[in-house]
Amino acid sequence: EASSGEIYATEEIYIKKGIESAEGEVLLKEEAAEKEESLPPGDTEQSAQAKPTPPVYHLQVGVFSSRENALQVKKEIEEDYGLSVYVKEFVIEGQKRYRVQAGVFKDKNNAEKLARELRLKGYPTYISQD
């Protein structure tokens, strides 16, 4: 239920922003799907699925019961760091909550570095791995 052009983040937004292939090129969601469909000669679907995907790290900067508070933190971090920050609504124990995520990282060290900076400014941080 986004209002006046605001977008709630979903996992799909991370994919739309672009994902990096094994060759280091950034692919949009549609291109990634095409690339998966066209396997190199000799590769079978089974062998393609057997290749491990590198982990990605999500930097969470708080969970809020108030959408307005989550949007305020989003705005502050975007302005201070120039990052794409997402607010994702979810329900826990019947209550709406708003998770603020400030980036998706391939390198855990980069996620940890930004997390330290944000903690020094008073933001709670948590790094999750996919």
N, C-alpha and C. Protein backbone atom coordinates (compact mmCIF):
# COMPACT_ATOMS: atom_id res chain seq x y z
N GLU A 1 0.83 -1.18 0.00
CA GLU A 1 0.00 0.00 0.00
C GLU A 1 0.87 1.25 0.00
N ALA A 2 1.63 1.44 -1.04
CA ALA A 2 2.48 2.62 -1.13
C ALA A 2 1.61 3.82 -1.48
N SER A 3 1.89 4.95 -0.87
CA SER A 3 1.12 6.13 -1.16
C SER A 3 2.01 7.17 -1.81
N SER A 4 1.43 7.97 -2.67
CA SER A 4 2.10 9.07 -3.36
C SER A 4 3.49 8.72 -3.87
N GLY A 5 3.58 7.61 -4.55
CA GLY A 5 4.83 7.27 -5.22
C GLY A 5 5.86 6.57 -4.37
N GLU A 6 5.64 6.37 -3.08
CA GLU A 6 6.62 5.67 -2.26
C GLU A 6 6.58 4.20 -2.58
N ILE A 7 7.72 3.58 -2.53
CA ILE A 7 7.80 2.15 -2.85
C ILE A 7 8.26 1.40 -1.63
N TYR A 8 7.52 0.36 -1.28
CA TYR A 8 7.98 -0.53 -0.22
C TYR A 8 8.92 -1.52 -0.84
N ALA A 9 10.03 -1.75 -0.19
CA ALA A 9 11.03 -2.67 -0.73
C ALA A 9 10.57 -4.10 -0.57
N THR A 10 10.86 -4.86 -1.55
CA THR A 10 10.69 -6.30 -1.47
C THR A 10 12.00 -6.88 -1.97
N GLU A 11 12.19 -8.16 -1.81
CA GLU A 11 13.40 -8.78 -2.32
C GLU A 11 13.56 -8.51 -3.81
N GLU A 12 12.45 -8.35 -4.52
CA GLU A 12 12.50 -8.13 -5.96
C GLU A 12 13.19 -6.81 -6.30
N ILE A 13 13.08 -5.80 -5.44
CA ILE A 13 13.73 -4.53 -5.72
C ILE A 13 15.24 -4.71 -5.78
N TYR A 14 15.80 -5.53 -4.91
CA TYR A 14 17.23 -5.75 -4.96
C TYR A 14 17.62 -6.34 -6.31
N ILE A 15 16.80 -7.22 -6.84
CA ILE A 15 17.09 -7.84 -8.12
C ILE A 15 16.95 -6.81 -9.23
N LYS A 16 15.91 -5.97 -9.17
CA LYS A 16 15.71 -4.96 -10.21
C LYS A 16 16.86 -3.97 -10.25
N LYS A 17 17.45 -3.65 -9.10
CA LYS A 17 18.57 -2.73 -9.05
C LYS A 17 19.74 -3.30 -9.84
N GLY A 18 19.85 -4.59 -9.92
CA GLY A 18 20.93 -5.23 -10.66
C GLY A 18 21.63 -6.25 -9.79
N ILE A 19 21.96 -7.38 -10.39
CA ILE A 19 22.73 -8.39 -9.68
C ILE A 19 23.98 -8.64 -10.49
N GLU A 20 25.03 -9.03 -9.84
CA GLU A 20 26.28 -9.23 -10.54
C GLU A 20 26.43 -10.69 -10.90
N SER A 21 26.78 -10.94 -12.14
CA SER A 21 26.99 -12.31 -12.60
C SER A 21 28.39 -12.76 -12.24
N ALA A 22 28.68 -14.02 -12.47
CA ALA A 22 30.00 -14.57 -12.17
C ALA A 22 31.08 -13.86 -12.99
N GLU A 23 30.72 -13.32 -14.16
CA GLU A 23 31.69 -12.63 -14.99
C GLU A 23 31.90 -11.19 -14.53
N GLY A 24 31.18 -10.73 -13.54
CA GLY A 24 31.37 -9.39 -13.00
C GLY A 24 30.48 -8.35 -13.65
N GLU A 25 29.62 -8.74 -14.58
CA GLU A 25 28.75 -7.76 -15.20
C GLU A 25 27.47 -7.62 -14.39
N VAL A 26 26.89 -6.45 -14.41
CA VAL A 26 25.65 -6.22 -13.68
C VAL A 26 24.50 -6.53 -14.61
N LEU A 27 23.58 -7.35 -14.14
CA LEU A 27 22.44 -7.78 -14.94
C LEU A 27 21.16 -7.27 -14.30
N LEU A 28 20.25 -6.80 -15.11
CA LEU A 28 18.92 -6.50 -14.60
C LEU A 28 18.15 -7.79 -14.49
N LYS A 29 17.04 -7.77 -13.80
CA LYS A 29 16.26 -8.98 -13.54
C LYS A 29 15.95 -9.73 -14.83
N GLU A 30 15.50 -9.00 -15.85
CA GLU A 30 15.11 -9.65 -17.09
C GLU A 30 16.33 -10.29 -17.76
N GLU A 31 17.46 -9.58 -17.76
CA GLU A 31 18.67 -10.12 -18.37
C GLU A 31 19.16 -11.35 -17.62
N ALA A 32 19.05 -11.32 -16.30
CA ALA A 32 19.48 -12.47 -15.50
C ALA A 32 18.65 -13.69 -15.84
N ALA A 33 17.34 -13.49 -16.01
CA ALA A 33 16.47 -14.61 -16.37
C ALA A 33 16.84 -15.16 -17.73
N GLU A 34 17.14 -14.27 -18.70
CA GLU A 34 17.54 -14.72 -20.04
C GLU A 34 18.85 -15.49 -19.96
N LYS A 35 19.78 -15.01 -19.16
CA LYS A 35 21.09 -15.66 -19.04
C LYS A 35 20.92 -17.06 -18.46
N GLU A 36 20.02 -17.21 -17.48
CA GLU A 36 19.79 -18.53 -16.89
C GLU A 36 19.19 -19.48 -17.91
N GLU A 37 18.34 -18.95 -18.80
CA GLU A 37 17.69 -19.80 -19.79
C GLU A 37 18.67 -20.27 -20.86
N SER A 38 19.68 -19.47 -21.17
CA SER A 38 20.60 -19.83 -22.25
C SER A 38 21.92 -20.33 -21.65
N LEU A 39 21.97 -21.60 -21.31
CA LEU A 39 23.16 -22.20 -20.73
C LEU A 39 24.20 -22.44 -21.82
N PRO A 40 25.49 -22.32 -21.48
CA PRO A 40 26.54 -22.60 -22.46
C PRO A 40 26.46 -24.06 -22.91
N PRO A 41 26.96 -24.35 -24.14
CA PRO A 41 26.96 -25.74 -24.61
C PRO A 41 27.69 -26.64 -23.63
N GLY A 42 27.13 -27.80 -23.38
CA GLY A 42 27.75 -28.75 -22.45
C GLY A 42 27.25 -28.60 -21.03
N ASP A 43 26.72 -27.42 -20.68
CA ASP A 43 26.17 -27.24 -19.34
C ASP A 43 24.75 -27.77 -19.32
N THR A 44 24.44 -28.51 -18.32
CA THR A 44 23.07 -28.97 -18.15
C THR A 44 22.44 -28.14 -17.06
N GLU A 45 21.14 -28.17 -16.98
CA GLU A 45 20.46 -27.43 -15.93
C GLU A 45 20.93 -27.89 -14.56
N GLN A 46 21.17 -29.19 -14.44
CA GLN A 46 21.61 -29.75 -13.16
C GLN A 46 22.98 -29.20 -12.78
N SER A 47 23.93 -29.13 -13.73
CA SER A 47 25.26 -28.63 -13.39
C SER A 47 25.21 -27.14 -13.09
N ALA A 48 24.33 -26.40 -13.77
CA ALA A 48 24.20 -24.97 -13.50
C ALA A 48 23.66 -24.75 -12.09
N GLN A 49 22.75 -25.60 -11.63
CA GLN A 49 22.20 -25.45 -10.29
C GLN A 49 23.21 -25.85 -9.23
N ALA A 50 24.17 -26.69 -9.58
CA ALA A 50 25.14 -27.17 -8.61
C ALA A 50 26.17 -26.10 -8.28
N LYS A 51 26.32 -25.08 -9.13
CA LYS A 51 27.29 -24.03 -8.87
C LYS A 51 26.82 -23.19 -7.68
N PRO A 52 27.67 -23.02 -6.68
CA PRO A 52 27.26 -22.23 -5.51
C PRO A 52 27.15 -20.75 -5.87
N THR A 53 26.16 -20.10 -5.31
CA THR A 53 26.04 -18.66 -5.50
C THR A 53 26.72 -17.98 -4.32
N PRO A 54 27.47 -16.94 -4.60
CA PRO A 54 28.16 -16.25 -3.50
C PRO A 54 27.14 -15.59 -2.58
N PRO A 55 27.45 -15.52 -1.30
CA PRO A 55 26.51 -14.92 -0.35
C PRO A 55 26.44 -13.40 -0.56
N VAL A 56 25.32 -12.83 -0.17
CA VAL A 56 25.18 -11.38 -0.11
C VAL A 56 24.80 -11.02 1.32
N TYR A 57 25.15 -9.82 1.71
CA TYR A 57 24.94 -9.36 3.07
C TYR A 57 24.03 -8.13 3.06
N HIS A 58 22.99 -8.16 3.88
CA HIS A 58 22.03 -7.07 4.00
C HIS A 58 22.31 -6.34 5.30
N LEU A 59 22.42 -5.02 5.23
CA LEU A 59 22.64 -4.21 6.42
C LEU A 59 21.32 -3.61 6.88
N GLN A 60 20.84 -4.10 8.01
CA GLN A 60 19.60 -3.61 8.59
C GLN A 60 19.92 -2.51 9.59
N VAL A 61 19.16 -1.42 9.51
CA VAL A 61 19.38 -0.27 10.39
C VAL A 61 18.09 0.01 11.14
N GLY A 62 17.66 -0.95 11.91
CA GLY A 62 16.51 -0.74 12.76
C GLY A 62 15.23 -1.35 12.25
N VAL A 63 14.36 -1.65 13.20
CA VAL A 63 13.00 -2.12 12.95
C VAL A 63 12.10 -1.22 13.78
N PHE A 64 11.06 -0.70 13.14
CA PHE A 64 10.23 0.30 13.77
C PHE A 64 8.76 -0.11 13.74
N SER A 65 8.01 0.29 14.77
CA SER A 65 6.57 0.07 14.76
C SER A 65 5.88 1.22 14.03
N SER A 66 6.58 2.33 13.88
CA SER A 66 6.04 3.50 13.20
C SER A 66 6.65 3.63 11.80
N ARG A 67 5.80 3.66 10.79
CA ARG A 67 6.24 3.84 9.41
C ARG A 67 6.96 5.18 9.26
N GLU A 68 6.45 6.21 9.90
CA GLU A 68 7.05 7.55 9.81
C GLU A 68 8.47 7.55 10.34
N ASN A 69 8.72 6.86 11.46
CA ASN A 69 10.07 6.79 12.02
C ASN A 69 11.01 6.06 11.07
N ALA A 70 10.52 4.97 10.48
CA ALA A 70 11.34 4.22 9.52
C ALA A 70 11.69 5.09 8.31
N LEU A 71 10.71 5.83 7.81
CA LEU A 71 10.96 6.70 6.65
C LEU A 71 11.92 7.84 7.00
N GLN A 72 11.87 8.32 8.23
CA GLN A 72 12.80 9.38 8.66
C GLN A 72 14.23 8.85 8.68
N VAL A 73 14.44 7.66 9.21
CA VAL A 73 15.78 7.05 9.24
C VAL A 73 16.26 6.81 7.80
N LYS A 74 15.37 6.32 6.96
CA LYS A 74 15.69 6.10 5.55
C LYS A 74 16.20 7.39 4.92
N LYS A 75 15.47 8.48 5.11
CA LYS A 75 15.82 9.78 4.53
C LYS A 75 17.18 10.26 5.05
N GLU A 76 17.41 10.14 6.37
CA GLU A 76 18.67 10.59 6.95
C GLU A 76 19.86 9.83 6.36
N ILE A 77 19.75 8.52 6.26
CA ILE A 77 20.87 7.72 5.75
C ILE A 77 21.10 7.98 4.27
N GLU A 78 20.01 8.11 3.51
CA GLU A 78 20.17 8.42 2.08
C GLU A 78 20.88 9.75 1.89
N GLU A 79 20.50 10.75 2.68
CA GLU A 79 21.12 12.08 2.56
C GLU A 79 22.57 12.07 3.03
N ASP A 80 22.86 11.39 4.14
CA ASP A 80 24.21 11.38 4.70
C ASP A 80 25.19 10.51 3.92
N TYR A 81 24.70 9.40 3.34
CA TYR A 81 25.60 8.43 2.73
C TYR A 81 25.37 8.21 1.24
N GLY A 82 24.29 8.77 0.70
CA GLY A 82 24.01 8.59 -0.72
C GLY A 82 23.67 7.16 -1.10
N LEU A 83 23.18 6.40 -0.15
CA LEU A 83 22.82 5.00 -0.40
C LEU A 83 21.37 4.86 -0.80
N SER A 84 21.06 3.76 -1.46
CA SER A 84 19.67 3.38 -1.67
C SER A 84 19.23 2.63 -0.42
N VAL A 85 18.30 3.20 0.29
CA VAL A 85 17.81 2.62 1.55
C VAL A 85 16.37 2.18 1.32
N TYR A 86 16.02 1.02 1.85
CA TYR A 86 14.70 0.45 1.64
C TYR A 86 13.97 0.28 2.95
N VAL A 87 12.66 0.50 2.91
CA VAL A 87 11.80 0.23 4.06
C VAL A 87 10.89 -0.91 3.65
N LYS A 88 10.94 -1.98 4.43
CA LYS A 88 10.14 -3.16 4.12
C LYS A 88 9.16 -3.41 5.26
N GLU A 89 7.89 -3.47 4.91
CA GLU A 89 6.85 -3.75 5.90
C GLU A 89 6.73 -5.25 6.09
N PHE A 90 6.58 -5.68 7.34
CA PHE A 90 6.33 -7.08 7.64
C PHE A 90 5.47 -7.16 8.89
N VAL A 91 4.93 -8.33 9.16
CA VAL A 91 4.06 -8.52 10.31
C VAL A 91 4.69 -9.56 11.23
N ILE A 92 4.77 -9.23 12.51
CA ILE A 92 5.26 -10.17 13.51
C ILE A 92 4.30 -10.13 14.69
N GLU A 93 3.86 -11.30 15.11
CA GLU A 93 2.90 -11.43 16.19
C GLU A 93 1.69 -10.52 15.97
N GLY A 94 1.23 -10.45 14.73
CA GLY A 94 0.04 -9.68 14.40
C GLY A 94 0.24 -8.17 14.32
N GLN A 95 1.46 -7.71 14.49
CA GLN A 95 1.75 -6.27 14.48
C GLN A 95 2.60 -5.89 13.27
N LYS A 96 2.25 -4.79 12.61
CA LYS A 96 3.06 -4.30 11.50
C LYS A 96 4.36 -3.71 12.03
N ARG A 97 5.44 -4.02 11.34
CA ARG A 97 6.75 -3.46 11.65
C ARG A 97 7.38 -3.00 10.34
N TYR A 98 8.36 -2.12 10.44
CA TYR A 98 9.02 -1.56 9.26
C TYR A 98 10.52 -1.70 9.42
N ARG A 99 11.11 -2.51 8.56
CA ARG A 99 12.54 -2.79 8.61
C ARG A 99 13.24 -1.83 7.64
N VAL A 100 14.30 -1.19 8.12
CA VAL A 100 15.10 -0.29 7.28
C VAL A 100 16.37 -1.02 6.90
N GLN A 101 16.59 -1.16 5.59
CA GLN A 101 17.80 -1.82 5.09
C GLN A 101 18.61 -0.84 4.26
N ALA A 102 19.89 -0.72 4.60
CA ALA A 102 20.78 0.24 3.95
C ALA A 102 21.83 -0.48 3.15
N GLY A 103 21.42 -1.14 2.11
CA GLY A 103 22.40 -1.72 1.21
C GLY A 103 22.47 -3.22 1.24
N VAL A 104 22.94 -3.73 0.10
CA VAL A 104 23.21 -5.14 -0.09
C VAL A 104 24.66 -5.22 -0.54
N PHE A 105 25.45 -6.05 0.12
CA PHE A 105 26.89 -6.10 -0.13
C PHE A 105 27.34 -7.50 -0.50
N LYS A 106 28.29 -7.58 -1.44
CA LYS A 106 28.92 -8.86 -1.77
C LYS A 106 30.03 -9.15 -0.77
N ASP A 107 30.65 -8.09 -0.27
CA ASP A 107 31.79 -8.21 0.64
C ASP A 107 31.33 -7.88 2.06
N LYS A 108 31.42 -8.86 2.94
CA LYS A 108 30.97 -8.66 4.32
C LYS A 108 31.75 -7.55 5.01
N ASN A 109 33.02 -7.38 4.67
CA ASN A 109 33.83 -6.32 5.28
C ASN A 109 33.26 -4.94 4.99
N ASN A 110 32.74 -4.75 3.77
CA ASN A 110 32.13 -3.46 3.44
C ASN A 110 30.86 -3.23 4.24
N ALA A 111 30.07 -4.27 4.42
CA ALA A 111 28.85 -4.16 5.23
C ALA A 111 29.22 -3.83 6.68
N GLU A 112 30.24 -4.49 7.21
CA GLU A 112 30.68 -4.25 8.59
C GLU A 112 31.23 -2.83 8.77
N LYS A 113 31.95 -2.33 7.77
CA LYS A 113 32.51 -0.97 7.85
C LYS A 113 31.39 0.06 7.94
N LEU A 114 30.38 -0.06 7.08
CA LEU A 114 29.26 0.88 7.13
C LEU A 114 28.47 0.70 8.42
N ALA A 115 28.31 -0.53 8.88
CA ALA A 115 27.59 -0.78 10.13
C ALA A 115 28.28 -0.06 11.30
N ARG A 116 29.62 -0.12 11.34
CA ARG A 116 30.37 0.59 12.40
C ARG A 116 30.11 2.09 12.35
N GLU A 117 30.17 2.65 11.14
CA GLU A 117 29.93 4.10 10.99
C GLU A 117 28.53 4.48 11.47
N LEU A 118 27.55 3.68 11.09
CA LEU A 118 26.18 3.98 11.47
C LEU A 118 25.97 3.82 12.98
N ARG A 119 26.62 2.80 13.59
CA ARG A 119 26.51 2.63 15.05
C ARG A 119 27.10 3.83 15.78
N LEU A 120 28.20 4.38 15.25
CA LEU A 120 28.81 5.56 15.88
C LEU A 120 27.86 6.76 15.84
N LYS A 121 26.95 6.78 14.88
CA LYS A 121 25.97 7.86 14.79
C LYS A 121 24.68 7.52 15.54
N GLY A 122 24.67 6.36 16.24
CA GLY A 122 23.54 6.00 17.08
C GLY A 122 22.51 5.08 16.46
N TYR A 123 22.76 4.59 15.26
CA TYR A 123 21.82 3.67 14.63
C TYR A 123 22.12 2.24 15.05
N PRO A 124 21.07 1.48 15.39
CA PRO A 124 21.30 0.04 15.64
C PRO A 124 21.49 -0.66 14.30
N THR A 125 22.43 -1.59 14.23
CA THR A 125 22.67 -2.28 12.96
C THR A 125 22.67 -3.78 13.16
N TYR A 126 22.34 -4.47 12.08
CA TYR A 126 22.35 -5.92 12.07
C TYR A 126 22.67 -6.37 10.64
N ILE A 127 23.59 -7.30 10.47
CA ILE A 127 23.95 -7.80 9.14
C ILE A 127 23.40 -9.21 9.01
N SER A 128 22.60 -9.42 7.97
CA SER A 128 22.11 -10.76 7.68
C SER A 128 22.73 -11.24 6.38
N GLN A 129 22.78 -12.56 6.23
CA GLN A 129 23.40 -13.15 5.05
C GLN A 129 22.37 -14.00 4.29
N ASP A 130 22.36 -13.84 2.97
CA ASP A 130 21.53 -14.68 2.10
C ASP A 130 22.41 -15.65 1.38
